[in-house]
Amino acid sequence: MKDKPWFKQKTYGLGATPITWQGWATTFAFIGLILWRGTILARDNNASSYLIEFVFMLTVFIFFVAYKTEGGFKWRWGKN
């Protein structure tokens, strides 16, 4: 699964940017999932449940992006 990276490291700071359609699709799917769950839980007026789900989904997303990023995550400041 690690044959071609979907994300590249940012030049400054910590994180990654999508570089393939799979990376963009994953990012948009994550955003859609967060918005969809937020609208469902907003109707139920259950903010604490949404916060727990959001933290879990964000953690899974970050680990997946780090796995599919060439070189993984690390603090960078320039092209060094």
PDB file of N, CA and C in Angstrom:
ATOM      1  N   MET A   1       0.828  -1.202   0.000  1.00  0.00           N
ATOM      2  CA  MET A   1       0.000   0.000   0.000  1.00  0.00           C
ATOM      3  C   MET A   1       0.863   1.253   0.000  1.00  0.00           C
ATOM      4  N   LYS A   2       2.101   1.156   0.375  1.00  0.00           N
ATOM      5  CA  LYS A   2       2.960   2.326   0.480  1.00  0.00           C
ATOM      6  C   LYS A   2       3.748   2.548  -0.810  1.00  0.00           C
ATOM      7  N   ASP A   3       3.255   2.065  -1.943  1.00  0.00           N
ATOM      8  CA  ASP A   3       4.002   2.151  -3.179  1.00  0.00           C
ATOM      9  C   ASP A   3       4.132   3.572  -3.714  1.00  0.00           C
ATOM     10  N   LYS A   4       3.079   4.362  -3.720  1.00  0.00           N
ATOM     11  CA  LYS A   4       3.125   5.734  -4.223  1.00  0.00           C
ATOM     12  C   LYS A   4       2.518   6.667  -3.175  1.00  0.00           C
ATOM     13  N   PRO A   5       3.245   7.723  -2.796  1.00  0.00           N
ATOM     14  CA  PRO A   5       2.690   8.628  -1.776  1.00  0.00           C
ATOM     15  C   PRO A   5       1.512   9.427  -2.323  1.00  0.00           C
ATOM     16  N   TRP A   6       0.533   9.631  -1.467  1.00  0.00           N
ATOM     17  CA  TRP A   6      -0.626  10.443  -1.824  1.00  0.00           C
ATOM     18  C   TRP A   6      -0.460  11.874  -1.354  1.00  0.00           C
ATOM     19  N   PHE A   7       0.446  12.089  -0.409  1.00  0.00           N
ATOM     20  CA  PHE A   7       0.661  13.409   0.186  1.00  0.00           C
ATOM     21  C   PHE A   7       2.152  13.721   0.166  1.00  0.00           C
ATOM     22  N   LYS A   8       2.496  15.016   0.178  1.00  0.00           N
ATOM     23  CA  LYS A   8       3.892  15.412   0.318  1.00  0.00           C
ATOM     24  C   LYS A   8       4.015  16.275   1.559  1.00  0.00           C
ATOM     25  N   GLN A   9       5.203  16.263   2.138  1.00  0.00           N
ATOM     26  CA  GLN A   9       5.439  17.064   3.332  1.00  0.00           C
ATOM     27  C   GLN A   9       5.348  18.540   2.988  1.00  0.00           C
ATOM     28  N   LYS A  10       4.850  19.303   3.945  1.00  0.00           N
ATOM     29  CA  LYS A  10       4.849  20.752   3.778  1.00  0.00           C
ATOM     30  C   LYS A  10       6.278  21.254   3.897  1.00  0.00           C
ATOM     31  N   THR A  11       6.582  22.358   3.238  1.00  0.00           N
ATOM     32  CA  THR A  11       7.931  22.921   3.299  1.00  0.00           C
ATOM     33  C   THR A  11       8.184  23.572   4.646  1.00  0.00           C
ATOM     34  N   TYR A  12       7.166  24.179   5.213  1.00  0.00           N
ATOM     35  CA  TYR A  12       7.301  24.849   6.504  1.00  0.00           C
ATOM     36  C   TYR A  12       6.276  24.284   7.477  1.00  0.00           C
ATOM     37  N   GLY A  13       6.714  23.934   8.654  1.00  0.00           N
ATOM     38  CA  GLY A  13       5.803  23.459   9.685  1.00  0.00           C
ATOM     39  C   GLY A  13       5.633  21.960   9.678  1.00  0.00           C
ATOM     40  N   LEU A  14       4.501  21.522  10.202  1.00  0.00           N
ATOM     41  CA  LEU A  14       4.199  20.109  10.349  1.00  0.00           C
ATOM     42  C   LEU A  14       2.942  19.795   9.562  1.00  0.00           C
ATOM     43  N   GLY A  15       2.977  18.736   8.765  1.00  0.00           N
ATOM     44  CA  GLY A  15       1.780  18.359   8.033  1.00  0.00           C
ATOM     45  C   GLY A  15       2.092  17.942   6.620  1.00  0.00           C
ATOM     46  N   ALA A  16       1.036  17.760   5.841  1.00  0.00           N
ATOM     47  CA  ALA A  16       1.173  17.274   4.474  1.00  0.00           C
ATOM     48  C   ALA A  16       0.111  17.908   3.588  1.00  0.00           C
ATOM     49  N   THR A  17       0.373  17.854   2.281  1.00  0.00           N
ATOM     50  CA  THR A  17      -0.526  18.384   1.272  1.00  0.00           C
ATOM     51  C   THR A  17      -0.837  17.284   0.270  1.00  0.00           C
ATOM     52  N   PRO A  18      -2.093  17.151  -0.148  1.00  0.00           N
ATOM     53  CA  PRO A  18      -2.419  16.117  -1.146  1.00  0.00           C
ATOM     54  C   PRO A  18      -1.710  16.401  -2.475  1.00  0.00           C
ATOM     55  N   ILE A  19      -1.187  15.330  -3.108  1.00  0.00           N
ATOM     56  CA  ILE A  19      -0.533  15.497  -4.409  1.00  0.00           C
ATOM     57  C   ILE A  19      -1.136  14.587  -5.482  1.00  0.00           C
ATOM     58  N   THR A  20      -2.019  13.680  -5.098  1.00  0.00           N
ATOM     59  CA  THR A  20      -2.680  12.808  -6.064  1.00  0.00           C
ATOM     60  C   THR A  20      -4.189  12.921  -5.883  1.00  0.00           C
ATOM     61  N   TRP A  21      -4.916  12.362  -6.845  1.00  0.00           N
ATOM     62  CA  TRP A  21      -6.370  12.412  -6.719  1.00  0.00           C
ATOM     63  C   TRP A  21      -6.839  11.608  -5.507  1.00  0.00           C
ATOM     64  N   GLN A  22      -6.083  10.546  -5.149  1.00  0.00           N
ATOM     65  CA  GLN A  22      -6.455   9.756  -3.981  1.00  0.00           C
ATOM     66  C   GLN A  22      -6.315  10.583  -2.701  1.00  0.00           C
ATOM     67  N   GLY A  23      -5.257  11.401  -2.637  1.00  0.00           N
ATOM     68  CA  GLY A  23      -5.065  12.267  -1.482  1.00  0.00           C
ATOM     69  C   GLY A  23      -6.171  13.307  -1.365  1.00  0.00           C
ATOM     70  N   TRP A  24      -6.526  13.905  -2.507  1.00  0.00           N
ATOM     71  CA  TRP A  24      -7.610  14.883  -2.487  1.00  0.00           C
ATOM     72  C   TRP A  24      -8.946  14.225  -2.143  1.00  0.00           C
ATOM     73  N   ALA A  25      -9.195  13.039  -2.690  1.00  0.00           N
ATOM     74  CA  ALA A  25     -10.451  12.333  -2.392  1.00  0.00           C
ATOM     75  C   ALA A  25     -10.535  11.982  -0.910  1.00  0.00           C
ATOM     76  N   THR A  26      -9.422  11.540  -0.336  1.00  0.00           N
ATOM     77  CA  THR A  26      -9.392  11.219   1.093  1.00  0.00           C
ATOM     78  C   THR A  26      -9.674  12.457   1.936  1.00  0.00           C
ATOM     79  N   THR A  27      -9.068  13.573   1.563  1.00  0.00           N
ATOM     80  CA  THR A  27      -9.258  14.818   2.307  1.00  0.00           C
ATOM     81  C   THR A  27     -10.708  15.289   2.233  1.00  0.00           C
ATOM     82  N   PHE A  28     -11.281  15.283   1.029  1.00  0.00           N
ATOM     83  CA  PHE A  28     -12.668  15.719   0.876  1.00  0.00           C
ATOM     84  C   PHE A  28     -13.641  14.754   1.555  1.00  0.00           C
ATOM     85  N   ALA A  29     -13.331  13.456   1.515  1.00  0.00           N
ATOM     86  CA  ALA A  29     -14.184  12.479   2.204  1.00  0.00           C
ATOM     87  C   ALA A  29     -14.159  12.715   3.708  1.00  0.00           C
ATOM     88  N   PHE A  30     -12.980  13.026   4.248  1.00  0.00           N
ATOM     89  CA  PHE A  30     -12.869  13.316   5.679  1.00  0.00           C
ATOM     90  C   PHE A  30     -13.680  14.566   6.042  1.00  0.00           C
ATOM     91  N   ILE A  31     -13.551  15.609   5.243  1.00  0.00           N
ATOM     92  CA  ILE A  31     -14.311  16.842   5.501  1.00  0.00           C
ATOM     93  C   ILE A  31     -15.814  16.563   5.413  1.00  0.00           C
ATOM     94  N   GLY A  32     -16.231  15.811   4.402  1.00  0.00           N
ATOM     95  CA  GLY A  32     -17.648  15.461   4.266  1.00  0.00           C
ATOM     96  C   GLY A  32     -18.158  14.653   5.446  1.00  0.00           C
ATOM     97  N   LEU A  33     -17.347  13.706   5.910  1.00  0.00           N
ATOM     98  CA  LEU A  33     -17.739  12.892   7.063  1.00  0.00           C
ATOM     99  C   LEU A  33     -17.904  13.754   8.315  1.00  0.00           C
ATOM    100  N   ILE A  34     -16.983  14.670   8.532  1.00  0.00           N
ATOM    101  CA  ILE A  34     -17.068  15.557   9.697  1.00  0.00           C
ATOM    102  C   ILE A  34     -18.326  16.424   9.615  1.00  0.00           C
ATOM    103  N   LEU A  35     -18.597  16.995   8.448  1.00  0.00           N
ATOM    104  CA  LEU A  35     -19.792  17.839   8.301  1.00  0.00           C
ATOM    105  C   LEU A  35     -21.075  17.028   8.441  1.00  0.00           C
ATOM    106  N   TRP A  36     -21.106  15.844   7.848  1.00  0.00           N
ATOM    107  CA  TRP A  36     -22.285  14.987   7.929  1.00  0.00           C
ATOM    108  C   TRP A  36     -22.579  14.587   9.374  1.00  0.00           C
ATOM    109  N   ARG A  37     -21.558  14.119  10.087  1.00  0.00           N
ATOM    110  CA  ARG A  37     -21.763  13.722  11.489  1.00  0.00           C
ATOM    111  C   ARG A  37     -22.127  14.940  12.343  1.00  0.00           C
ATOM    112  N   GLY A  38     -21.546  16.079  12.027  1.00  0.00           N
ATOM    113  CA  GLY A  38     -21.865  17.290  12.788  1.00  0.00           C
ATOM    114  C   GLY A  38     -23.312  17.707  12.641  1.00  0.00           C
ATOM    115  N   THR A  39     -23.862  17.576  11.445  1.00  0.00           N
ATOM    116  CA  THR A  39     -25.268  17.957  11.262  1.00  0.00           C
ATOM    117  C   THR A  39     -26.204  16.968  11.958  1.00  0.00           C
ATOM    118  N   ILE A  40     -25.852  15.689  11.936  1.00  0.00           N
ATOM    119  CA  ILE A  40     -26.683  14.693  12.621  1.00  0.00           C
ATOM    120  C   ILE A  40     -26.660  14.919  14.131  1.00  0.00           C
ATOM    121  N   LEU A  41     -25.464  15.112  14.678  1.00  0.00           N
ATOM    122  CA  LEU A  41     -25.366  15.272  16.129  1.00  0.00           C
ATOM    123  C   LEU A  41     -25.849  16.644  16.593  1.00  0.00           C
ATOM    124  N   ALA A  42     -25.823  17.648  15.709  1.00  0.00           N
ATOM    125  CA  ALA A  42     -26.348  18.965  16.083  1.00  0.00           C
ATOM    126  C   ALA A  42     -27.864  18.888  16.273  1.00  0.00           C
ATOM    127  N   ARG A  43     -28.521  18.060  15.467  1.00  0.00           N
ATOM    128  CA  ARG A  43     -29.958  17.878  15.626  1.00  0.00           C
ATOM    129  C   ARG A  43     -30.282  17.203  16.949  1.00  0.00           C
ATOM    130  N   ASP A  44     -29.398  16.298  17.377  1.00  0.00           N
ATOM    131  CA  ASP A  44     -29.614  15.585  18.633  1.00  0.00           C
ATOM    132  C   ASP A  44     -29.152  16.388  19.843  1.00  0.00           C
ATOM    133  N   ASN A  45     -28.462  17.513  19.579  1.00  0.00           N
ATOM    134  CA  ASN A  45     -27.976  18.389  20.637  1.00  0.00           C
ATOM    135  C   ASN A  45     -27.033  17.634  21.587  1.00  0.00           C
ATOM    136  N   ASN A  46     -26.071  16.912  21.002  1.00  0.00           N
ATOM    137  CA  ASN A  46     -25.164  16.083  21.777  1.00  0.00           C
ATOM    138  C   ASN A  46     -23.722  16.454  21.427  1.00  0.00           C
ATOM    139  N   ALA A  47     -23.259  17.591  21.944  1.00  0.00           N
ATOM    140  CA  ALA A  47     -21.950  18.122  21.590  1.00  0.00           C
ATOM    141  C   ALA A  47     -20.808  17.261  22.113  1.00  0.00           C
ATOM    142  N   SER A  48     -20.963  16.665  23.289  1.00  0.00           N
ATOM    143  CA  SER A  48     -19.868  15.879  23.849  1.00  0.00           C
ATOM    144  C   SER A  48     -19.620  14.621  23.011  1.00  0.00           C
ATOM    145  N   SER A  49     -20.665  14.014  22.505  1.00  0.00           N
ATOM    146  CA  SER A  49     -20.518  12.845  21.646  1.00  0.00           C
ATOM    147  C   SER A  49     -19.821  13.232  20.342  1.00  0.00           C
ATOM    148  N   TYR A  50     -20.181  14.380  19.790  1.00  0.00           N
ATOM    149  CA  TYR A  50     -19.549  14.851  18.557  1.00  0.00           C
ATOM    150  C   TYR A  50     -18.069  15.117  18.784  1.00  0.00           C
ATOM    151  N   LEU A  51     -17.714  15.696  19.887  1.00  0.00           N
ATOM    152  CA  LEU A  51     -16.309  15.991  20.179  1.00  0.00           C
ATOM    153  C   LEU A  51     -15.494  14.702  20.261  1.00  0.00           C
ATOM    154  N   ILE A  52     -16.022  13.699  20.921  1.00  0.00           N
ATOM    155  CA  ILE A  52     -15.315  12.417  21.034  1.00  0.00           C
ATOM    156  C   ILE A  52     -15.149  11.788  19.642  1.00  0.00           C
ATOM    157  N   GLU A  53     -16.220  11.773  18.847  1.00  0.00           N
ATOM    158  CA  GLU A  53     -16.133  11.220  17.491  1.00  0.00           C
ATOM    159  C   GLU A  53     -15.167  12.014  16.636  1.00  0.00           C
ATOM    160  N   PHE A  54     -15.202  13.347  16.741  1.00  0.00           N
ATOM    161  CA  PHE A  54     -14.318  14.197  15.951  1.00  0.00           C
ATOM    162  C   PHE A  54     -12.853  13.912  16.273  1.00  0.00           C
ATOM    163  N   VAL A  55     -12.521  13.824  17.542  1.00  0.00           N
ATOM    164  CA  VAL A  55     -11.136  13.549  17.943  1.00  0.00           C
ATOM    165  C   VAL A  55     -10.694  12.185  17.426  1.00  0.00           C
ATOM    166  N   PHE A  56     -11.558  11.186  17.520  1.00  0.00           N
ATOM    167  CA  PHE A  56     -11.221   9.851  17.015  1.00  0.00           C
ATOM    168  C   PHE A  56     -10.996   9.878  15.504  1.00  0.00           C
ATOM    169  N   MET A  57     -11.935  10.481  14.753  1.00  0.00           N
ATOM    170  CA  MET A  57     -11.802  10.526  13.298  1.00  0.00           C
ATOM    171  C   MET A  57     -10.584  11.329  12.863  1.00  0.00           C
ATOM    172  N   LEU A  58     -10.305  12.431  13.552  1.00  0.00           N
ATOM    173  CA  LEU A  58      -9.136  13.243  13.231  1.00  0.00           C
ATOM    174  C   LEU A  58      -7.845  12.470  13.485  1.00  0.00           C
ATOM    175  N   THR A  59      -7.793  11.726  14.574  1.00  0.00           N
ATOM    176  CA  THR A  59      -6.609  10.922  14.887  1.00  0.00           C
ATOM    177  C   THR A  59      -6.375   9.864  13.819  1.00  0.00           C
ATOM    178  N   VAL A  60      -7.428   9.168  13.422  1.00  0.00           N
ATOM    179  CA  VAL A  60      -7.304   8.148  12.379  1.00  0.00           C
ATOM    180  C   VAL A  60      -6.858   8.791  11.064  1.00  0.00           C
ATOM    181  N   PHE A  61      -7.438   9.933  10.724  1.00  0.00           N
ATOM    182  CA  PHE A  61      -7.077  10.633   9.489  1.00  0.00           C
ATOM    183  C   PHE A  61      -5.611  11.059   9.507  1.00  0.00           C
ATOM    184  N   ILE A  62      -5.144  11.616  10.603  1.00  0.00           N
ATOM    185  CA  ILE A  62      -3.753  12.068  10.693  1.00  0.00           C
ATOM    186  C   ILE A  62      -2.787  10.893  10.560  1.00  0.00           C
ATOM    187  N   PHE A  63      -3.076   9.783  11.232  1.00  0.00           N
ATOM    188  CA  PHE A  63      -2.200   8.618  11.109  1.00  0.00           C
ATOM    189  C   PHE A  63      -2.199   8.064   9.688  1.00  0.00           C
ATOM    190  N   PHE A  64      -3.359   8.047   9.032  1.00  0.00           N
ATOM    191  CA  PHE A  64      -3.419   7.571   7.657  1.00  0.00           C
ATOM    192  C   PHE A  64      -2.628   8.478   6.722  1.00  0.00           C
ATOM    193  N   VAL A  65      -2.798   9.791   6.885  1.00  0.00           N
ATOM    194  CA  VAL A  65      -2.056  10.746   6.050  1.00  0.00           C
ATOM    195  C   VAL A  65      -0.558  10.604   6.293  1.00  0.00           C
ATOM    196  N   ALA A  66      -0.154  10.444   7.536  1.00  0.00           N
ATOM    197  CA  ALA A  66       1.269  10.261   7.831  1.00  0.00           C
ATOM    198  C   ALA A  66       1.799   8.994   7.176  1.00  0.00           C
ATOM    199  N   TYR A  67       0.994   7.938   7.159  1.00  0.00           N
ATOM    200  CA  TYR A  67       1.400   6.681   6.526  1.00  0.00           C
ATOM    201  C   TYR A  67       1.568   6.842   5.016  1.00  0.00           C
ATOM    202  N   LYS A  68       0.686   7.614   4.385  1.00  0.00           N
ATOM    203  CA  LYS A  68       0.719   7.794   2.942  1.00  0.00           C
ATOM    204  C   LYS A  68       1.549   9.004   2.501  1.00  0.00           C
ATOM    205  N   THR A  69       2.286   9.623   3.425  1.00  0.00           N
ATOM    206  CA  THR A  69       3.147  10.755   3.095  1.00  0.00           C
ATOM    207  C   THR A  69       4.568  10.280   2.901  1.00  0.00           C
ATOM    208  N   GLU A  70       5.174  10.733   1.827  1.00  0.00           N
ATOM    209  CA  GLU A  70       6.566  10.377   1.562  1.00  0.00           C
ATOM    210  C   GLU A  70       7.456  10.984   2.638  1.00  0.00           C
ATOM    211  N   GLY A  71       8.134  10.148   3.399  1.00  0.00           N
ATOM    212  CA  GLY A  71       9.007  10.623   4.467  1.00  0.00           C
ATOM    213  C   GLY A  71       8.313  10.808   5.796  1.00  0.00           C
ATOM    214  N   GLY A  72       7.002  10.609   5.872  1.00  0.00           N
ATOM    215  CA  GLY A  72       6.278  10.761   7.131  1.00  0.00           C
ATOM    216  C   GLY A  72       6.180  12.205   7.577  1.00  0.00           C
ATOM    217  N   PHE A  73       5.725  12.386   8.795  1.00  0.00           N
ATOM    218  CA  PHE A  73       5.572  13.726   9.367  1.00  0.00           C
ATOM    219  C   PHE A  73       6.807  14.075  10.180  1.00  0.00           C
ATOM    220  N   LYS A  74       7.268  15.274  10.017  1.00  0.00           N
ATOM    221  CA  LYS A  74       8.292  15.834  10.886  1.00  0.00           C
ATOM    222  C   LYS A  74       8.282  17.342  10.704  1.00  0.00           C
ATOM    223  N   TRP A  75       8.798  18.048  11.683  1.00  0.00           N
ATOM    224  CA  TRP A  75       8.864  19.501  11.611  1.00  0.00           C
ATOM    225  C   TRP A  75       9.873  19.900  10.563  1.00  0.00           C
ATOM    226  N   ARG A  76       9.476  20.779   9.654  1.00  0.00           N
ATOM    227  CA  ARG A  76      10.374  21.249   8.599  1.00  0.00           C
ATOM    228  C   ARG A  76      10.351  22.771   8.565  1.00  0.00           C
ATOM    229  N   TRP A  77      11.493  23.352   8.236  1.00  0.00           N
ATOM    230  CA  TRP A  77      11.571  24.789   8.078  1.00  0.00           C
ATOM    231  C   TRP A  77      12.468  25.092   6.901  1.00  0.00           C
ATOM    232  N   GLY A  78      11.903  24.991   5.713  1.00  0.00           N
ATOM    233  CA  GLY A  78      12.654  25.232   4.481  1.00  0.00           C
ATOM    234  C   GLY A  78      12.919  23.942   3.740  1.00  0.00           C
ATOM    235  N   LYS A  79      13.766  24.031   2.745  1.00  0.00           N
ATOM    236  CA  LYS A  79      14.015  22.882   1.857  1.00  0.00           C
ATOM    237  C   LYS A  79      15.121  21.958   2.352  1.00  0.00           C
ATOM    238  N   ASN A  80      15.664  22.142   3.515  1.00  0.00           N
ATOM    239  CA  ASN A  80      16.776  21.307   3.990  1.00  0.00           C
ATOM    240  C   ASN A  80      16.367  19.880   4.163  1.00  0.00           C
TER     241      ASN A  80
END
